[in-house]
Protein backbone atom coordinates (compact mmCIF):
# COMPACT_ATOMS: atom_id res chain seq x y z
CA MET A 1 -50.60 39.73 20.58
CA ARG A 2 -53.09 38.22 18.27
CA LEU A 3 -52.78 37.88 14.44
CA SER A 4 -55.88 40.09 14.01
CA GLU A 5 -54.17 42.86 15.93
CA LEU A 6 -51.30 42.81 13.52
CA SER A 7 -53.39 42.88 10.45
CA GLY A 8 -53.49 46.12 8.45
CA LYS A 9 -50.26 47.60 10.11
CA GLU A 10 -47.73 49.24 7.74
CA ILE A 11 -44.23 47.58 7.65
CA VAL A 12 -41.58 50.20 7.55
CA ASP A 13 -37.77 49.70 7.09
CA ILE A 14 -36.03 51.88 9.74
CA LYS A 15 -32.70 52.09 7.77
CA LYS A 16 -34.18 53.09 4.40
CA ALA A 17 -37.14 54.86 5.82
CA GLU A 18 -39.28 53.09 3.30
CA ARG A 19 -42.61 51.34 3.34
CA LEU A 20 -42.30 47.68 2.56
CA GLY A 21 -45.92 46.77 2.67
CA ILE A 22 -48.95 46.17 4.84
CA LEU A 23 -49.46 43.11 6.94
CA GLY A 24 -52.48 41.32 5.37
CA GLN A 25 -51.00 41.73 1.97
CA THR A 26 -48.05 39.58 3.07
CA ASP A 27 -47.48 36.01 3.99
CA LEU A 28 -46.32 34.65 7.24
CA GLU A 29 -43.60 31.92 7.77
CA ILE A 30 -45.05 29.99 10.72
CA ASN A 31 -43.20 27.19 12.79
CA GLU A 32 -45.63 24.40 12.58
CA GLN A 33 -44.56 22.83 15.81
CA SER A 34 -44.57 25.94 18.03
CA GLY A 35 -47.09 28.14 16.19
CA GLN A 36 -44.66 31.09 16.45
CA ILE A 37 -44.15 33.41 13.45
CA ASN A 38 -40.67 33.05 11.99
CA ALA A 39 -40.74 35.69 9.31
CA LEU A 40 -42.91 38.02 7.17
CA ILE A 41 -42.85 37.35 3.55
CA ILE A 42 -43.59 40.51 1.55
CA PRO A 43 -44.06 40.50 -2.36
CA THR A 44 -41.76 43.07 -3.93
CA VAL A 45 -43.76 43.76 -7.13
CA LYS A 46 -47.55 44.13 -7.56
CA TRP A 47 -49.28 45.13 -10.69
CA PHE A 48 -52.93 46.02 -10.36
CA GLY A 49 -53.44 43.76 -7.39
CA PHE A 50 -51.84 40.85 -9.06
CA LYS A 51 -48.53 39.51 -7.59
CA ARG A 52 -45.84 39.20 -10.25
CA GLN A 53 -43.81 36.10 -10.11
CA GLY A 54 -40.39 36.88 -8.79
CA ASN A 55 -38.68 38.16 -5.68
CA GLU A 56 -40.05 38.67 -2.23
CA ILE A 57 -38.68 40.09 0.85
CA ARG A 58 -38.18 37.76 3.82
CA VAL A 59 -38.12 39.82 7.11
CA PRO A 60 -37.13 37.42 10.12
CA TRP A 61 -39.24 37.97 13.15
CA SER A 62 -35.99 38.86 15.12
CA HIS A 63 -35.56 41.87 13.02
CA ILE A 64 -38.82 43.58 14.05
CA GLN A 65 -37.76 46.44 16.41
CA LYS A 66 -41.21 47.80 17.43
CA ILE A 67 -44.92 47.14 16.83
CA GLY A 68 -46.86 50.25 17.24
CA MET A 69 -50.59 51.14 16.83
CA ASP A 70 -50.23 51.67 12.97
CA MET A 71 -46.78 50.34 11.99
CA ILE A 72 -44.30 47.55 12.39
CA ILE A 73 -40.86 48.91 12.40
CA VAL A 74 -38.04 46.54 11.03
CA ASP A 75 -34.36 46.83 10.99
CA ILE A 76 -32.63 44.72 8.48
CA ALA A 77 -29.16 45.34 7.00
CA GLU A 78 -29.86 43.31 3.84
CA TYR A 79 -33.08 41.72 2.60
CA GLU A 80 -33.10 37.94 2.12
CA LEU A 81 -34.67 37.70 -1.48
CA SER A 82 -36.39 34.55 -2.45
CA GLU A 83 -37.31 33.39 -6.02
């Protein structure tokens, strides 16, 4: 799957049934040697399009359950918050 095919998909947490963000408004953690995606990094707070300094949600690639036409379903027990 190409990165362009992932862009614009909504990221949804299956356990909380809540929208986490949209891919394209998130960062990717990429392994520089293999080029594989390690994790999605999603900002937790945005005000008027500006990212507030603070926490973000790190969703490891292994926690992605399904990539559909419109959504990416993730299953994570506890978010890994970064500062």
